[in-house]
Amino acid sequence: MDVIPSRALDSSGGGARRVIEGGPVQVGSRVQVKDGPDVDTFTIVGPEDADATAGRVSIDSPMGRALLGRRMGDQVRIDRPANRWPVTIAHVSGPLA
């Protein structure tokens, strides 16, 4: 797992935050999933912060549950109302530490 420094300040206004790269998907992770040549990016959030139009996926959604704990390179099948969506996790970054 790599730790990449970020210029962002922590919530207290002091000190730099670090982005954790390559760890398992968790709340706050930014996840890229690949379906053939297409790559989509989502951020995993708590239920109160979910917004599908902004790419923020709730941990309580079928997609959130399928991605939690997975790592880059894992193949995942996400349950959707009409079918299952097979994707590969192309990249995981975050959350900020």
C-alpha atoms as a PDB file:
ATOM      1  CA  MET A   1       0.000   0.000   0.000  1.00  0.00           C
ATOM      2  CA  ASP A   2       1.374   3.419  -0.961  1.00  0.00           C
ATOM      3  CA  VAL A   3       0.790   6.651   0.926  1.00  0.00           C
ATOM      4  CA  ILE A   4       0.787   9.721  -1.296  1.00  0.00           C
ATOM      5  CA  PRO A   5       1.020  13.171   0.304  1.00  0.00           C
ATOM      6  CA  SER A   6      -1.761  15.587  -0.544  1.00  0.00           C
ATOM      7  CA  ARG A   7      -1.687  19.359  -0.313  1.00  0.00           C
ATOM      8  CA  ALA A   8      -5.154  19.296   1.255  1.00  0.00           C
ATOM      9  CA  LEU A   9      -5.400  20.430   4.857  1.00  0.00           C
ATOM     10  CA  ASP A  10      -7.010  18.273   7.482  1.00  0.00           C
ATOM     11  CA  SER A  11     -10.355  19.273   8.987  1.00  0.00           C
ATOM     12  CA  SER A  12      -8.680  21.173  11.811  1.00  0.00           C
ATOM     13  CA  GLY A  13      -6.989  23.479   9.313  1.00  0.00           C
ATOM     14  CA  GLY A  14      -3.427  22.373  10.017  1.00  0.00           C
ATOM     15  CA  GLY A  15      -1.118  19.750   8.635  1.00  0.00           C
ATOM     16  CA  ALA A  16      -1.230  17.941   5.320  1.00  0.00           C
ATOM     17  CA  ARG A  17      -3.473  14.972   4.738  1.00  0.00           C
ATOM     18  CA  ARG A  18      -2.325  11.833   2.942  1.00  0.00           C
ATOM     19  CA  VAL A  19      -4.220   9.797   0.374  1.00  0.00           C
ATOM     20  CA  ILE A  20      -3.939   6.040   0.938  1.00  0.00           C
ATOM     21  CA  GLU A  21      -3.443   4.241  -2.392  1.00  0.00           C
ATOM     22  CA  GLY A  22      -4.012   0.549  -3.048  1.00  0.00           C
ATOM     23  CA  GLY A  23      -5.788  -0.371   0.181  1.00  0.00           C
ATOM     24  CA  PRO A  24      -9.131  -2.131   0.421  1.00  0.00           C
ATOM     25  CA  VAL A  25     -12.293  -0.241  -0.538  1.00  0.00           C
ATOM     26  CA  GLN A  26     -13.816   1.459   2.509  1.00  0.00           C
ATOM     27  CA  VAL A  27     -15.937   4.494   3.319  1.00  0.00           C
ATOM     28  CA  GLY A  28     -14.236   7.477   1.698  1.00  0.00           C
ATOM     29  CA  SER A  29     -12.470   5.438  -0.988  1.00  0.00           C
ATOM     30  CA  ARG A  30     -12.529   6.600  -4.579  1.00  0.00           C
ATOM     31  CA  VAL A  31     -12.929   3.528  -6.787  1.00  0.00           C
ATOM     32  CA  GLN A  32     -12.490   3.129 -10.524  1.00  0.00           C
ATOM     33  CA  VAL A  33     -14.304   0.145 -12.004  1.00  0.00           C
ATOM     34  CA  LYS A  34     -13.687  -1.153 -15.493  1.00  0.00           C
ATOM     35  CA  ASP A  35     -16.291  -2.746 -17.730  1.00  0.00           C
ATOM     36  CA  GLY A  36     -14.519  -3.607 -20.975  1.00  0.00           C
ATOM     37  CA  PRO A  37     -12.998  -0.357 -22.288  1.00  0.00           C
ATOM     38  CA  ASP A  38     -15.235   1.795 -20.062  1.00  0.00           C
ATOM     39  CA  VAL A  39     -13.991   3.101 -16.707  1.00  0.00           C
ATOM     40  CA  ASP A  40     -16.368   4.657 -14.152  1.00  0.00           C
ATOM     41  CA  THR A  41     -15.323   6.372 -10.922  1.00  0.00           C
ATOM     42  CA  PHE A  42     -17.310   6.292  -7.682  1.00  0.00           C
ATOM     43  CA  THR A  43     -16.753   7.469  -4.120  1.00  0.00           C
ATOM     44  CA  ILE A  44     -17.985   5.184  -1.334  1.00  0.00           C
ATOM     45  CA  VAL A  45     -19.944   7.162   1.286  1.00  0.00           C
ATOM     46  CA  GLY A  46     -22.351   6.730   4.180  1.00  0.00           C
ATOM     47  CA  PRO A  47     -26.079   6.554   3.355  1.00  0.00           C
ATOM     48  CA  GLU A  48     -26.706  10.194   4.243  1.00  0.00           C
ATOM     49  CA  ASP A  49     -24.098  11.413   1.706  1.00  0.00           C
ATOM     50  CA  ALA A  50     -25.141   9.227  -1.246  1.00  0.00           C
ATOM     51  CA  ASP A  51     -25.849  10.999  -4.539  1.00  0.00           C
ATOM     52  CA  ALA A  52     -25.927   8.825  -7.656  1.00  0.00           C
ATOM     53  CA  THR A  53     -25.715  11.807 -10.019  1.00  0.00           C
ATOM     54  CA  ALA A  54     -22.465  12.905  -8.344  1.00  0.00           C
ATOM     55  CA  GLY A  55     -20.975   9.379  -8.284  1.00  0.00           C
ATOM     56  CA  ARG A  56     -21.291   9.020  -4.489  1.00  0.00           C
ATOM     57  CA  VAL A  57     -22.364   5.458  -3.700  1.00  0.00           C
ATOM     58  CA  SER A  58     -23.813   4.421  -0.328  1.00  0.00           C
ATOM     59  CA  ILE A  59     -22.211   1.562   1.564  1.00  0.00           C
ATOM     60  CA  ASP A  60     -25.773   0.231   1.977  1.00  0.00           C
ATOM     61  CA  SER A  61     -26.409   0.013  -1.794  1.00  0.00           C
ATOM     62  CA  PRO A  62     -25.828  -3.194  -3.766  1.00  0.00           C
ATOM     63  CA  MET A  63     -22.791  -1.570  -5.411  1.00  0.00           C
ATOM     64  CA  GLY A  64     -21.383  -0.337  -2.105  1.00  0.00           C
ATOM     65  CA  ARG A  65     -21.804  -3.749  -0.480  1.00  0.00           C
ATOM     66  CA  ALA A  66     -20.163  -5.471  -3.479  1.00  0.00           C
ATOM     67  CA  LEU A  67     -17.134  -3.145  -3.456  1.00  0.00           C
ATOM     68  CA  LEU A  68     -16.445  -2.873   0.292  1.00  0.00           C
ATOM     69  CA  GLY A  69     -13.272  -4.695   1.320  1.00  0.00           C
ATOM     70  CA  ARG A  70     -12.236  -5.454  -2.251  1.00  0.00           C
ATOM     71  CA  ARG A  71      -8.900  -4.446  -3.779  1.00  0.00           C
ATOM     72  CA  MET A  72      -7.499  -3.321  -7.097  1.00  0.00           C
ATOM     73  CA  GLY A  73      -7.653  -6.157  -9.638  1.00  0.00           C
ATOM     74  CA  ASP A  74     -10.603  -7.909  -7.970  1.00  0.00           C
ATOM     75  CA  GLN A  75     -13.463  -8.909 -10.232  1.00  0.00           C
ATOM     76  CA  VAL A  76     -16.858  -8.061  -8.772  1.00  0.00           C
ATOM     77  CA  ARG A  77     -20.454  -8.710  -9.824  1.00  0.00           C
ATOM     78  CA  ILE A  78     -22.749  -5.878  -8.815  1.00  0.00           C
ATOM     79  CA  ASP A  79     -26.441  -6.757  -8.480  1.00  0.00           C
ATOM     80  CA  ARG A  80     -28.712  -4.384 -10.402  1.00  0.00           C
ATOM     81  CA  PRO A  81     -32.499  -4.551 -10.786  1.00  0.00           C
ATOM     82  CA  ALA A  82     -32.335  -6.006 -14.295  1.00  0.00           C
ATOM     83  CA  ASN A  83     -29.071  -7.964 -14.166  1.00  0.00           C
ATOM     84  CA  ARG A  84     -25.621  -8.403 -12.662  1.00  0.00           C
ATOM     85  CA  TRP A  85     -22.878  -6.011 -13.747  1.00  0.00           C
ATOM     86  CA  PRO A  86     -19.451  -7.693 -13.892  1.00  0.00           C
ATOM     87  CA  VAL A  87     -16.622  -5.195 -13.359  1.00  0.00           C
ATOM     88  CA  THR A  88     -12.953  -5.197 -12.426  1.00  0.00           C
ATOM     89  CA  ILE A  89     -11.637  -2.777  -9.821  1.00  0.00           C
ATOM     90  CA  ALA A  90      -9.097  -0.762 -11.785  1.00  0.00           C
ATOM     91  CA  HIS A  91      -7.919   1.566  -9.009  1.00  0.00           C
ATOM     92  CA  VAL A  92      -8.605   2.373  -5.347  1.00  0.00           C
ATOM     93  CA  SER A  93      -7.505   5.554  -3.594  1.00  0.00           C
ATOM     94  CA  GLY A  94      -8.381   7.066  -0.251  1.00  0.00           C
ATOM     95  CA  PRO A  95      -9.705   7.693   2.146  1.00  0.00           C
ATOM     96  CA  LEU A  96      -7.578  10.571   3.345  1.00  0.00           C
ATOM     97  CA  ALA A  97      -5.498   9.762   6.404  1.00  0.00           C
END
